[in-house]
Amino acid sequence: MHLVVRWLLAPFVRFLYRPVVHGAEQIPRCGPVIIAANHRAAVDTAVIALTAGRPVSFLGKAEYFTRTGLRGRAFASFLTALGYVPVDRANAKAGLAALHAARAVLDAGGVFAIYPEGTRSLDGRLHRGHTGVATLALSTGAPVVPVALIGTERVQPVGARFPRLRRVTVRFGEPLDFTRYEGLEGSGMIRRAVTDEIMDAIASLSHQEYVDSYHERPAA
């Protein structure tokens, strides 16, 4: 399934949507990397995976991987090929489990993508980031590449079941190095400062209006 996604599906989707990509060379070719992006639509994950130039891992709901039957197993294989890592979000310790899963990817020298806002922006603005991205950067020493996704909300607007043919732009920024804070990951003040620096970089790339408040998760 991984080969099908990489050699067949990915080129077809890139040909169909013809994304405009700037700065993909900013992603280090080897070693652990954190991609921190704004979040506009459900297709954002696929867009990052198809333009980053390296395999990218994301967090996915554990229940997506436990469906039964041929269709369920095929769907789980497809998500695995896209780079999803299963995490039980219903668990009381879901946040800790997510950090452990992300750190495992980075410790293995992989690329892990995260949306610091925590949920899709429904008003088009860039909202305050949660400090999980800073925790990962400080605890692993991995550089953070800020990313702006532009136009993905037109590909799959809220409520749309299927993607539409709309062109998108992806801007990768210069890697941010936070090793100067080595040993200070336990400081909430440092985590907040690192997160704010990352969000500032994303805002500079996306040109979104920044709001210094968390975006509320939409009702299920």
N, C-alpha and C. Protein backbone atom coordinates (compact mmCIF):
# COMPACT_ATOMS: atom_id res chain seq x y z
N MET A 1 0.83 -1.20 0.00
CA MET A 1 0.00 0.00 0.00
C MET A 1 0.87 1.26 0.00
N HIS A 2 1.98 1.21 0.75
CA HIS A 2 2.88 2.38 0.79
C HIS A 2 3.40 2.71 -0.60
N LEU A 3 3.77 1.68 -1.38
CA LEU A 3 4.29 1.91 -2.72
C LEU A 3 3.20 2.46 -3.64
N VAL A 4 1.97 2.01 -3.45
CA VAL A 4 0.86 2.51 -4.27
C VAL A 4 0.66 4.00 -4.02
N VAL A 5 0.69 4.39 -2.74
CA VAL A 5 0.51 5.80 -2.38
C VAL A 5 1.67 6.63 -2.91
N ARG A 6 2.88 6.14 -2.75
CA ARG A 6 4.08 6.92 -3.12
C ARG A 6 4.26 7.05 -4.62
N TRP A 7 4.09 5.94 -5.35
CA TRP A 7 4.42 5.95 -6.77
C TRP A 7 3.24 6.12 -7.70
N LEU A 8 2.02 5.94 -7.22
CA LEU A 8 0.85 6.06 -8.08
C LEU A 8 -0.07 7.18 -7.64
N LEU A 9 -0.56 7.10 -6.40
CA LEU A 9 -1.53 8.08 -5.94
C LEU A 9 -0.92 9.47 -5.80
N ALA A 10 0.26 9.58 -5.18
CA ALA A 10 0.87 10.88 -4.94
C ALA A 10 1.13 11.65 -6.23
N PRO A 11 1.78 11.05 -7.24
CA PRO A 11 1.98 11.80 -8.50
C PRO A 11 0.67 12.19 -9.16
N PHE A 12 -0.34 11.32 -9.09
CA PHE A 12 -1.63 11.63 -9.70
C PHE A 12 -2.27 12.83 -9.04
N VAL A 13 -2.25 12.86 -7.70
CA VAL A 13 -2.86 13.97 -6.97
C VAL A 13 -2.10 15.26 -7.23
N ARG A 14 -0.78 15.19 -7.27
CA ARG A 14 0.01 16.40 -7.56
C ARG A 14 -0.28 16.92 -8.96
N PHE A 15 -0.44 16.01 -9.93
CA PHE A 15 -0.78 16.42 -11.29
C PHE A 15 -2.17 17.04 -11.35
N LEU A 16 -3.09 16.48 -10.61
CA LEU A 16 -4.49 16.93 -10.64
C LEU A 16 -4.64 18.31 -10.00
N TYR A 17 -3.99 18.51 -8.83
CA TYR A 17 -4.17 19.76 -8.09
C TYR A 17 -3.07 20.78 -8.33
N ARG A 18 -1.92 20.34 -8.84
CA ARG A 18 -0.80 21.24 -9.16
C ARG A 18 -0.53 22.25 -8.05
N PRO A 19 -0.21 21.78 -6.85
CA PRO A 19 0.05 22.71 -5.75
C PRO A 19 1.27 23.58 -6.03
N VAL A 20 1.19 24.83 -5.57
CA VAL A 20 2.33 25.74 -5.67
C VAL A 20 3.13 25.59 -4.38
N VAL A 21 4.36 25.15 -4.49
CA VAL A 21 5.17 24.83 -3.31
C VAL A 21 6.39 25.74 -3.27
N HIS A 22 6.57 26.40 -2.14
CA HIS A 22 7.73 27.27 -1.93
C HIS A 22 8.54 26.76 -0.74
N GLY A 23 9.84 26.64 -0.90
CA GLY A 23 10.72 26.37 0.22
C GLY A 23 10.78 24.94 0.72
N ALA A 24 10.34 23.97 -0.08
CA ALA A 24 10.40 22.58 0.38
C ALA A 24 11.82 22.16 0.70
N GLU A 25 12.80 22.82 0.06
CA GLU A 25 14.21 22.50 0.33
C GLU A 25 14.63 22.91 1.74
N GLN A 26 13.77 23.66 2.45
CA GLN A 26 14.07 24.05 3.83
C GLN A 26 14.02 22.86 4.78
N ILE A 27 13.31 21.81 4.40
CA ILE A 27 13.21 20.64 5.27
C ILE A 27 14.52 19.87 5.21
N PRO A 28 15.21 19.69 6.33
CA PRO A 28 16.45 18.91 6.31
C PRO A 28 16.22 17.54 5.71
N ARG A 29 17.18 17.08 4.91
CA ARG A 29 17.03 15.82 4.19
C ARG A 29 17.17 14.60 5.08
N CYS A 30 17.70 14.76 6.26
CA CYS A 30 17.83 13.62 7.16
C CYS A 30 17.73 14.12 8.60
N GLY A 31 17.49 13.21 9.50
CA GLY A 31 17.38 13.54 10.91
C GLY A 31 15.97 13.97 11.29
N PRO A 32 15.72 14.06 12.60
CA PRO A 32 14.37 14.40 13.07
C PRO A 32 13.98 15.83 12.73
N VAL A 33 12.73 16.00 12.32
CA VAL A 33 12.20 17.32 11.97
C VAL A 33 10.75 17.40 12.43
N ILE A 34 10.38 18.54 12.98
CA ILE A 34 8.98 18.81 13.33
C ILE A 34 8.43 19.81 12.33
N ILE A 35 7.32 19.46 11.69
CA ILE A 35 6.63 20.39 10.82
C ILE A 35 5.45 20.96 11.60
N ALA A 36 5.39 22.28 11.71
CA ALA A 36 4.31 22.95 12.43
C ALA A 36 3.54 23.81 11.45
N ALA A 37 2.26 23.49 11.23
CA ALA A 37 1.49 24.16 10.19
C ALA A 37 0.20 24.77 10.73
N ASN A 38 -0.30 25.75 9.99
CA ASN A 38 -1.66 26.22 10.26
C ASN A 38 -2.63 25.14 9.78
N HIS A 39 -3.88 25.25 10.17
CA HIS A 39 -4.84 24.18 9.88
C HIS A 39 -6.14 24.78 9.37
N ARG A 40 -6.41 24.57 8.06
CA ARG A 40 -7.58 25.17 7.45
C ARG A 40 -8.63 24.16 7.01
N ALA A 41 -8.23 22.90 6.72
CA ALA A 41 -9.18 21.93 6.17
C ALA A 41 -8.71 20.50 6.44
N ALA A 42 -9.63 19.57 6.25
CA ALA A 42 -9.32 18.16 6.49
C ALA A 42 -8.24 17.64 5.54
N VAL A 43 -8.08 18.28 4.38
CA VAL A 43 -7.10 17.81 3.41
C VAL A 43 -5.69 18.29 3.72
N ASP A 44 -5.51 19.10 4.75
CA ASP A 44 -4.19 19.64 5.07
C ASP A 44 -3.14 18.56 5.24
N THR A 45 -3.51 17.48 5.90
CA THR A 45 -2.56 16.39 6.15
C THR A 45 -2.06 15.80 4.84
N ALA A 46 -2.97 15.55 3.91
CA ALA A 46 -2.58 14.99 2.62
C ALA A 46 -1.69 15.96 1.86
N VAL A 47 -2.00 17.25 1.93
CA VAL A 47 -1.21 18.26 1.23
C VAL A 47 0.23 18.28 1.75
N ILE A 48 0.39 18.23 3.06
CA ILE A 48 1.74 18.21 3.64
C ILE A 48 2.48 16.94 3.22
N ALA A 49 1.79 15.81 3.32
CA ALA A 49 2.42 14.53 2.99
C ALA A 49 2.89 14.48 1.53
N LEU A 50 2.16 15.14 0.63
CA LEU A 50 2.47 15.07 -0.79
C LEU A 50 3.50 16.11 -1.24
N THR A 51 3.82 17.07 -0.38
CA THR A 51 4.72 18.15 -0.81
C THR A 51 6.00 18.26 0.02
N ALA A 52 6.10 17.52 1.11
CA ALA A 52 7.24 17.69 2.01
C ALA A 52 8.54 17.11 1.48
N GLY A 53 8.46 16.12 0.61
CA GLY A 53 9.68 15.54 0.07
C GLY A 53 10.29 14.46 0.93
N ARG A 54 9.74 14.24 2.12
CA ARG A 54 10.14 13.16 3.01
C ARG A 54 8.89 12.52 3.59
N PRO A 55 8.95 11.25 3.97
CA PRO A 55 7.79 10.65 4.65
C PRO A 55 7.48 11.42 5.92
N VAL A 56 6.21 11.72 6.13
CA VAL A 56 5.78 12.51 7.29
C VAL A 56 4.77 11.71 8.09
N SER A 57 4.91 11.75 9.42
CA SER A 57 3.98 11.06 10.30
C SER A 57 3.03 12.06 10.95
N PHE A 58 1.79 11.61 11.15
CA PHE A 58 0.75 12.41 11.79
C PHE A 58 0.04 11.54 12.81
N LEU A 59 -0.66 12.18 13.73
CA LEU A 59 -1.47 11.43 14.68
C LEU A 59 -2.84 11.13 14.08
N GLY A 60 -3.35 9.94 14.33
CA GLY A 60 -4.68 9.55 13.85
C GLY A 60 -5.45 8.84 14.95
N LYS A 61 -6.76 8.94 14.90
CA LYS A 61 -7.59 8.29 15.90
C LYS A 61 -7.41 6.77 15.85
N ALA A 62 -7.22 6.16 17.02
CA ALA A 62 -6.97 4.72 17.09
C ALA A 62 -8.10 3.91 16.48
N GLU A 63 -9.34 4.42 16.60
CA GLU A 63 -10.48 3.65 16.09
C GLU A 63 -10.44 3.50 14.57
N TYR A 64 -9.71 4.37 13.88
CA TYR A 64 -9.58 4.23 12.43
C TYR A 64 -8.81 2.99 12.04
N PHE A 65 -7.99 2.49 12.98
CA PHE A 65 -7.12 1.36 12.69
C PHE A 65 -7.68 0.03 13.20
N THR A 66 -8.82 0.07 13.85
CA THR A 66 -9.36 -1.15 14.46
C THR A 66 -10.66 -1.60 13.82
N ARG A 67 -11.04 -1.02 12.69
CA ARG A 67 -12.26 -1.42 12.01
C ARG A 67 -12.08 -2.82 11.44
N THR A 68 -13.15 -3.59 11.47
CA THR A 68 -13.09 -4.97 11.02
C THR A 68 -13.46 -5.10 9.55
N GLY A 69 -13.23 -6.29 9.03
CA GLY A 69 -13.58 -6.56 7.64
C GLY A 69 -12.51 -6.11 6.67
N LEU A 70 -12.68 -6.51 5.43
CA LEU A 70 -11.71 -6.19 4.39
C LEU A 70 -11.60 -4.68 4.17
N ARG A 71 -12.74 -4.02 4.18
CA ARG A 71 -12.74 -2.57 3.97
C ARG A 71 -12.03 -1.84 5.11
N GLY A 72 -12.27 -2.30 6.35
CA GLY A 72 -11.63 -1.69 7.50
C GLY A 72 -10.13 -1.87 7.48
N ARG A 73 -9.69 -3.08 7.12
CA ARG A 73 -8.25 -3.35 7.07
C ARG A 73 -7.58 -2.56 5.94
N ALA A 74 -8.27 -2.42 4.83
CA ALA A 74 -7.73 -1.65 3.71
C ALA A 74 -7.58 -0.18 4.09
N PHE A 75 -8.57 0.34 4.82
CA PHE A 75 -8.52 1.74 5.25
C PHE A 75 -7.37 1.96 6.21
N ALA A 76 -7.18 1.02 7.13
CA ALA A 76 -6.08 1.12 8.09
C ALA A 76 -4.73 1.08 7.37
N SER A 77 -4.61 0.22 6.36
CA SER A 77 -3.37 0.14 5.58
C SER A 77 -3.11 1.43 4.83
N PHE A 78 -4.18 2.03 4.32
CA PHE A 78 -4.05 3.29 3.58
C PHE A 78 -3.57 4.40 4.51
N LEU A 79 -4.13 4.48 5.71
CA LEU A 79 -3.71 5.50 6.67
C LEU A 79 -2.26 5.30 7.10
N THR A 80 -1.88 4.05 7.29
CA THR A 80 -0.50 3.75 7.65
C THR A 80 0.45 4.19 6.54
N ALA A 81 0.05 3.95 5.30
CA ALA A 81 0.88 4.34 4.16
C ALA A 81 1.01 5.86 4.06
N LEU A 82 -0.02 6.57 4.50
CA LEU A 82 0.03 8.03 4.49
C LEU A 82 0.86 8.59 5.63
N GLY A 83 1.19 7.73 6.62
CA GLY A 83 2.04 8.17 7.72
C GLY A 83 1.33 8.38 9.03
N TYR A 84 0.06 7.96 9.12
CA TYR A 84 -0.68 8.16 10.37
C TYR A 84 -0.19 7.20 11.46
N VAL A 85 -0.12 7.72 12.68
CA VAL A 85 0.25 6.94 13.85
C VAL A 85 -0.97 6.88 14.76
N PRO A 86 -1.47 5.67 15.10
CA PRO A 86 -2.70 5.59 15.91
C PRO A 86 -2.49 6.02 17.35
N VAL A 87 -3.43 6.82 17.85
CA VAL A 87 -3.42 7.26 19.25
C VAL A 87 -4.84 7.22 19.78
N ASP A 88 -5.01 6.65 20.97
CA ASP A 88 -6.33 6.57 21.59
C ASP A 88 -6.67 7.91 22.23
N ARG A 89 -7.45 8.72 21.53
CA ARG A 89 -7.78 10.05 22.01
C ARG A 89 -8.87 10.03 23.07
N ALA A 90 -9.53 8.88 23.25
CA ALA A 90 -10.57 8.79 24.26
C ALA A 90 -9.98 8.52 25.64
N ASN A 91 -8.71 8.13 25.66
CA ASN A 91 -8.04 7.85 26.91
C ASN A 91 -7.80 9.14 27.69
N ALA A 92 -7.91 9.05 29.00
CA ALA A 92 -7.70 10.23 29.85
C ALA A 92 -6.29 10.79 29.70
N LYS A 93 -5.36 9.92 29.30
CA LYS A 93 -3.98 10.35 29.14
C LYS A 93 -3.64 10.50 27.65
N ALA A 94 -4.64 10.92 26.86
CA ALA A 94 -4.46 11.01 25.41
C ALA A 94 -3.34 11.97 25.04
N GLY A 95 -3.26 13.11 25.74
CA GLY A 95 -2.23 14.09 25.43
C GLY A 95 -0.84 13.53 25.62
N LEU A 96 -0.65 12.79 26.70
CA LEU A 96 0.65 12.18 26.98
C LEU A 96 0.98 11.11 25.96
N ALA A 97 -0.05 10.32 25.58
CA ALA A 97 0.15 9.27 24.59
C ALA A 97 0.54 9.87 23.24
N ALA A 98 -0.07 11.01 22.90
CA ALA A 98 0.25 11.67 21.64
C ALA A 98 1.69 12.14 21.63
N LEU A 99 2.16 12.71 22.74
CA LEU A 99 3.54 13.16 22.81
C LEU A 99 4.52 11.99 22.72
N HIS A 100 4.16 10.88 23.36
CA HIS A 100 5.02 9.69 23.30
C HIS A 100 5.11 9.18 21.86
N ALA A 101 3.98 9.14 21.16
CA ALA A 101 3.95 8.66 19.78
C ALA A 101 4.78 9.57 18.89
N ALA A 102 4.64 10.86 19.08
CA ALA A 102 5.39 11.82 18.28
C ALA A 102 6.89 11.71 18.55
N ARG A 103 7.23 11.58 19.83
CA ARG A 103 8.65 11.50 20.18
C ARG A 103 9.28 10.22 19.61
N ALA A 104 8.51 9.14 19.54
CA ALA A 104 9.04 7.90 18.97
C ALA A 104 9.43 8.10 17.51
N VAL A 105 8.62 8.85 16.77
CA VAL A 105 8.92 9.15 15.37
C VAL A 105 10.21 9.97 15.28
N LEU A 106 10.32 11.00 16.12
CA LEU A 106 11.48 11.88 16.08
C LEU A 106 12.75 11.18 16.56
N ASP A 107 12.62 10.35 17.59
CA ASP A 107 13.78 9.62 18.09
C ASP A 107 14.34 8.66 17.04
N ALA A 108 13.45 8.24 16.11
CA ALA A 108 13.88 7.34 15.03
C ALA A 108 14.40 8.12 13.83
N GLY A 109 14.49 9.45 13.97
CA GLY A 109 15.02 10.28 12.89
C GLY A 109 14.01 10.65 11.83
N GLY A 110 12.71 10.54 12.17
CA GLY A 110 11.67 10.82 11.20
C GLY A 110 11.14 12.24 11.27
N VAL A 111 10.14 12.51 10.41
CA VAL A 111 9.49 13.81 10.35
C VAL A 111 8.09 13.68 10.93
N PHE A 112 7.77 14.57 11.86
CA PHE A 112 6.45 14.54 12.49
C PHE A 112 5.78 15.89 12.28
N ALA A 113 4.53 15.87 11.84
CA ALA A 113 3.78 17.10 11.59
C ALA A 113 2.73 17.32 12.66
N ILE A 114 2.57 18.58 13.05
CA ILE A 114 1.63 18.92 14.11
C ILE A 114 0.95 20.24 13.77
N TYR A 115 -0.30 20.38 14.20
CA TYR A 115 -1.04 21.63 14.04
C TYR A 115 -1.13 22.27 15.43
N PRO A 116 -0.28 23.25 15.73
CA PRO A 116 -0.27 23.82 17.08
C PRO A 116 -1.60 24.41 17.53
N GLU A 117 -2.44 24.85 16.59
CA GLU A 117 -3.75 25.40 16.98
C GLU A 117 -4.64 24.33 17.61
N GLY A 118 -4.39 23.08 17.29
CA GLY A 118 -5.15 21.98 17.89
C GLY A 118 -6.39 21.58 17.13
N THR A 119 -6.88 22.45 16.28
CA THR A 119 -8.08 22.16 15.49
C THR A 119 -8.11 23.09 14.30
N ARG A 120 -9.00 22.81 13.35
CA ARG A 120 -9.09 23.67 12.17
C ARG A 120 -9.62 25.05 12.53
N SER A 121 -9.09 26.06 11.85
CA SER A 121 -9.59 27.42 12.03
C SER A 121 -10.83 27.59 11.17
N LEU A 122 -11.94 27.88 11.80
CA LEU A 122 -13.20 28.06 11.07
C LEU A 122 -13.44 29.51 10.69
N ASP A 123 -12.66 30.43 11.24
CA ASP A 123 -12.86 31.84 10.92
C ASP A 123 -11.74 32.41 10.05
N GLY A 124 -10.82 31.54 9.63
CA GLY A 124 -9.76 31.97 8.74
C GLY A 124 -8.57 32.62 9.42
N ARG A 125 -8.67 32.86 10.72
CA ARG A 125 -7.58 33.50 11.45
C ARG A 125 -6.65 32.45 12.05
N LEU A 126 -5.44 32.88 12.38
CA LEU A 126 -4.48 31.99 13.03
C LEU A 126 -4.58 32.18 14.53
N HIS A 127 -4.88 31.11 15.25
CA HIS A 127 -5.12 31.21 16.68
C HIS A 127 -3.90 30.79 17.51
N ARG A 128 -3.95 31.12 18.76
CA ARG A 128 -2.86 30.83 19.69
C ARG A 128 -2.50 29.35 19.67
N GLY A 129 -1.21 29.04 19.68
CA GLY A 129 -0.77 27.66 19.62
C GLY A 129 -0.69 27.01 20.99
N HIS A 130 -0.99 25.73 21.05
CA HIS A 130 -0.79 24.94 22.26
C HIS A 130 0.69 24.58 22.36
N THR A 131 1.16 24.36 23.58
CA THR A 131 2.60 24.23 23.80
C THR A 131 3.15 22.83 23.57
N GLY A 132 2.33 21.90 23.09
CA GLY A 132 2.83 20.56 22.80
C GLY A 132 3.96 20.58 21.79
N VAL A 133 3.89 21.48 20.80
CA VAL A 133 4.93 21.56 19.79
C VAL A 133 6.25 22.00 20.43
N ALA A 134 6.18 22.88 21.41
CA ALA A 134 7.40 23.32 22.11
C ALA A 134 7.97 22.19 22.95
N THR A 135 7.09 21.44 23.60
CA THR A 135 7.54 20.30 24.40
C THR A 135 8.33 19.32 23.55
N LEU A 136 7.83 19.04 22.34
CA LEU A 136 8.51 18.12 21.44
C LEU A 136 9.86 18.68 21.00
N ALA A 137 9.87 19.94 20.62
CA ALA A 137 11.10 20.56 20.13
C ALA A 137 12.17 20.60 21.23
N LEU A 138 11.76 20.96 22.42
CA LEU A 138 12.72 21.10 23.52
C LEU A 138 13.23 19.75 24.03
N SER A 139 12.36 18.75 24.01
CA SER A 139 12.75 17.44 24.55
C SER A 139 13.54 16.60 23.57
N THR A 140 13.43 16.88 22.27
CA THR A 140 14.13 16.09 21.26
C THR A 140 15.26 16.84 20.59
N GLY A 141 15.24 18.17 20.65
CA GLY A 141 16.24 18.95 19.95
C GLY A 141 16.00 19.05 18.46
N ALA A 142 14.85 18.54 17.99
CA ALA A 142 14.54 18.57 16.56
C ALA A 142 14.22 19.99 16.11
N PRO A 143 14.70 20.40 14.93
CA PRO A 143 14.34 21.72 14.41
C PRO A 143 12.86 21.74 14.03
N VAL A 144 12.27 22.92 14.05
CA VAL A 144 10.86 23.07 13.70
C VAL A 144 10.78 23.85 12.39
N VAL A 145 10.12 23.26 11.39
CA VAL A 145 9.91 23.94 10.11
C VAL A 145 8.48 24.47 10.09
N PRO A 146 8.30 25.81 10.11
CA PRO A 146 6.95 26.37 10.05
C PRO A 146 6.40 26.24 8.63
N VAL A 147 5.10 25.99 8.52
CA VAL A 147 4.48 25.79 7.21
C VAL A 147 3.16 26.55 7.15
N ALA A 148 2.92 27.19 6.01
CA ALA A 148 1.65 27.86 5.76
C ALA A 148 0.91 27.14 4.64
N LEU A 149 -0.32 26.74 4.92
CA LEU A 149 -1.19 26.12 3.93
C LEU A 149 -2.21 27.18 3.51
N ILE A 150 -2.26 27.47 2.23
CA ILE A 150 -3.11 28.55 1.73
C ILE A 150 -4.06 28.00 0.66
N GLY A 151 -5.35 28.16 0.88
CA GLY A 151 -6.34 27.73 -0.10
C GLY A 151 -6.92 26.35 0.11
N THR A 152 -6.45 25.62 1.11
CA THR A 152 -6.98 24.27 1.32
C THR A 152 -8.44 24.29 1.77
N GLU A 153 -8.85 25.41 2.38
CA GLU A 153 -10.25 25.51 2.81
C GLU A 153 -11.19 25.59 1.61
N ARG A 154 -10.67 25.92 0.43
CA ARG A 154 -11.49 25.94 -0.77
C ARG A 154 -11.57 24.56 -1.42
N VAL A 155 -10.56 23.73 -1.13
CA VAL A 155 -10.57 22.37 -1.65
C VAL A 155 -11.63 21.53 -0.95
N GLN A 156 -11.70 21.66 0.35
CA GLN A 156 -12.70 20.90 1.11
C GLN A 156 -13.30 21.80 2.19
N PRO A 157 -14.29 22.62 1.84
CA PRO A 157 -14.94 23.47 2.83
C PRO A 157 -15.61 22.64 3.91
N VAL A 158 -15.86 23.26 5.05
CA VAL A 158 -16.52 22.56 6.15
C VAL A 158 -17.86 22.01 5.66
N GLY A 159 -18.09 20.73 5.90
CA GLY A 159 -19.33 20.08 5.49
C GLY A 159 -19.26 19.37 4.16
N ALA A 160 -18.22 19.65 3.36
CA ALA A 160 -18.09 19.00 2.06
C ALA A 160 -17.54 17.59 2.24
N ARG A 161 -18.16 16.61 1.60
CA ARG A 161 -17.72 15.22 1.74
C ARG A 161 -16.53 14.91 0.87
N PHE A 162 -16.45 15.56 -0.29
CA PHE A 162 -15.39 15.23 -1.24
C PHE A 162 -14.60 16.49 -1.62
N PRO A 163 -13.29 16.32 -1.85
CA PRO A 163 -12.46 17.47 -2.24
C PRO A 163 -12.88 18.04 -3.59
N ARG A 164 -12.67 19.34 -3.77
CA ARG A 164 -12.94 20.02 -5.02
C ARG A 164 -11.63 20.37 -5.70
N LEU A 165 -11.69 20.60 -7.00
CA LEU A 165 -10.48 20.96 -7.73
C LEU A 165 -10.18 22.44 -7.54
N ARG A 166 -9.31 22.74 -6.62
CA ARG A 166 -8.87 24.09 -6.36
C ARG A 166 -7.36 24.06 -6.14
N ARG A 167 -6.65 25.05 -6.62
CA ARG A 167 -5.20 25.06 -6.46
C ARG A 167 -4.84 25.60 -5.08
N VAL A 168 -3.82 25.01 -4.47
CA VAL A 168 -3.38 25.44 -3.15
C VAL A 168 -1.91 25.85 -3.19
N THR A 169 -1.52 26.61 -2.19
CA THR A 169 -0.13 27.04 -2.05
C THR A 169 0.41 26.55 -0.71
N VAL A 170 1.62 26.03 -0.73
CA VAL A 170 2.29 25.55 0.49
C VAL A 170 3.61 26.29 0.62
N ARG A 171 3.81 26.95 1.76
CA ARG A 171 5.05 27.69 2.00
C ARG A 171 5.77 27.09 3.20
N PHE A 172 6.97 26.57 2.97
CA PHE A 172 7.82 26.04 4.03
C PHE A 172 8.81 27.13 4.43
N GLY A 173 8.91 27.40 5.73
CA GLY A 173 9.83 28.41 6.22
C GLY A 173 11.17 27.85 6.64
N GLU A 174 12.06 28.72 7.05
CA GLU A 174 13.37 28.30 7.53
C GLU A 174 13.24 27.54 8.84
N PRO A 175 14.03 26.48 9.02
CA PRO A 175 13.97 25.71 10.27
C PRO A 175 14.30 26.58 11.49
N LEU A 176 13.58 26.38 12.55
CA LEU A 176 13.81 27.10 13.80
C LEU A 176 14.53 26.19 14.77
N ASP A 177 15.63 26.67 15.32
CA ASP A 177 16.46 25.88 16.23
C ASP A 177 16.27 26.39 17.66
N PHE A 178 15.84 25.48 18.54
CA PHE A 178 15.59 25.87 19.93
C PHE A 178 16.54 25.16 20.90
N THR A 179 17.66 24.67 20.39
CA THR A 179 18.60 23.96 21.27
C THR A 179 19.23 24.89 22.30
N ARG A 180 19.09 26.21 22.10
CA ARG A 180 19.61 27.16 23.09
C ARG A 180 18.88 27.02 24.43
N TYR A 181 17.70 26.38 24.41
CA TYR A 181 16.93 26.19 25.63
C TYR A 181 17.09 24.77 26.20
N GLU A 182 18.13 24.08 25.79
CA GLU A 182 18.34 22.71 26.23
C GLU A 182 18.30 22.61 27.76
N GLY A 183 17.52 21.64 28.25
CA GLY A 183 17.39 21.43 29.68
C GLY A 183 16.32 22.27 30.34
N LEU A 184 15.64 23.13 29.57
CA LEU A 184 14.63 24.03 30.14
C LEU A 184 13.21 23.67 29.72
N GLU A 185 13.03 22.43 29.21
CA GLU A 185 11.70 22.05 28.74
C GLU A 185 10.66 22.00 29.86
N GLY A 186 11.13 21.96 31.10
CA GLY A 186 10.19 21.94 32.23
C GLY A 186 9.62 23.31 32.55
N SER A 187 10.12 24.35 31.93
CA SER A 187 9.66 25.70 32.21
C SER A 187 8.47 26.06 31.33
N GLY A 188 7.33 26.34 31.95
CA GLY A 188 6.15 26.74 31.20
C GLY A 188 6.37 28.04 30.44
N MET A 189 7.15 28.93 31.01
CA MET A 189 7.43 30.21 30.36
C MET A 189 8.23 30.00 29.06
N ILE A 190 9.21 29.09 29.12
CA ILE A 190 10.01 28.80 27.94
C ILE A 190 9.15 28.12 26.88
N ARG A 191 8.33 27.16 27.27
CA ARG A 191 7.46 26.48 26.31
C ARG A 191 6.53 27.48 25.62
N ARG A 192 6.02 28.44 26.39
CA ARG A 192 5.13 29.44 25.81
C ARG A 192 5.89 30.33 24.82
N ALA A 193 7.11 30.73 25.19
CA ALA A 193 7.91 31.59 24.31
C ALA A 193 8.25 30.87 23.01
N VAL A 194 8.61 29.60 23.10
CA VAL A 194 8.94 28.82 21.91
C VAL A 194 7.72 28.67 21.01
N THR A 195 6.59 28.36 21.61
CA THR A 195 5.36 28.21 20.83
C THR A 195 4.99 29.50 20.13
N ASP A 196 5.10 30.62 20.84
CA ASP A 196 4.76 31.91 20.24
C ASP A 196 5.70 32.24 19.07
N GLU A 197 6.96 31.87 19.20
CA GLU A 197 7.91 32.12 18.10
C GLU A 197 7.52 31.30 16.87
N ILE A 198 7.11 30.08 17.11
CA ILE A 198 6.67 29.22 15.99
C ILE A 198 5.42 29.79 15.33
N MET A 199 4.46 30.24 16.14
CA MET A 199 3.22 30.80 15.57
C MET A 199 3.50 32.09 14.81
N ASP A 200 4.45 32.89 15.29
CA ASP A 200 4.84 34.12 14.58
C ASP A 200 5.39 33.78 13.19
N ALA A 201 6.18 32.70 13.14
CA ALA A 201 6.77 32.29 11.86
C ALA A 201 5.68 31.81 10.90
N ILE A 202 4.71 31.06 11.42
CA ILE A 202 3.61 30.59 10.58
C ILE A 202 2.79 31.77 10.06
N ALA A 203 2.53 32.74 10.94
CA ALA A 203 1.76 33.92 10.56
C ALA A 203 2.46 34.71 9.47
N SER A 204 3.79 34.81 9.54
CA SER A 204 4.55 35.53 8.53
C SER A 204 4.44 34.87 7.16
N LEU A 205 4.32 33.54 7.16
CA LEU A 205 4.21 32.80 5.91
C LEU A 205 2.79 32.80 5.36
N SER A 206 1.81 32.72 6.25
CA SER A 206 0.41 32.58 5.81
C SER A 206 -0.30 33.91 5.61
N HIS A 207 0.23 34.97 6.25
CA HIS A 207 -0.38 36.30 6.23
C HIS A 207 -1.79 36.30 6.83
N GLN A 208 -2.05 35.37 7.72
CA GLN A 208 -3.32 35.35 8.43
C GLN A 208 -3.31 36.35 9.58
N GLU A 209 -4.47 36.81 9.93
CA GLU A 209 -4.61 37.62 11.14
C GLU A 209 -4.39 36.71 12.34
N TYR A 210 -3.55 37.15 13.28
CA TYR A 210 -3.27 36.34 14.46
C TYR A 210 -4.18 36.73 15.61
N VAL A 211 -4.72 35.73 16.30
CA VAL A 211 -5.59 35.95 17.45
C VAL A 211 -4.94 35.28 18.66
N ASP A 212 -4.68 36.05 19.72
CA ASP A 212 -4.00 35.49 20.89
C ASP A 212 -4.98 34.81 21.84
N SER A 213 -5.74 33.88 21.29
CA SER A 213 -6.67 33.06 22.09
C SER A 213 -6.83 31.73 21.38
N TYR A 214 -7.07 30.68 22.16
CA TYR A 214 -7.22 29.35 21.56
C TYR A 214 -8.51 29.25 20.78
N HIS A 215 -8.46 28.51 19.70
CA HIS A 215 -9.66 28.27 18.90
C HIS A 215 -10.44 27.13 19.55
N GLU A 216 -11.71 27.34 19.79
CA GLU A 216 -12.53 26.29 20.39
C GLU A 216 -12.76 25.18 19.38
N ARG A 217 -12.69 23.94 19.87
CA ARG A 217 -12.97 22.80 19.01
C ARG A 217 -14.45 22.78 18.64
N PRO A 218 -14.78 22.52 17.36
CA PRO A 218 -16.18 22.48 16.97
C PRO A 218 -16.90 21.33 17.66
N ALA A 219 -18.19 21.49 17.88
CA ALA A 219 -18.96 20.43 18.52
C ALA A 219 -18.96 19.19 17.65
N ALA A 220 -18.89 18.03 18.29
CA ALA A 220 -18.84 16.78 17.55
C ALA A 220 -20.15 16.56 16.83
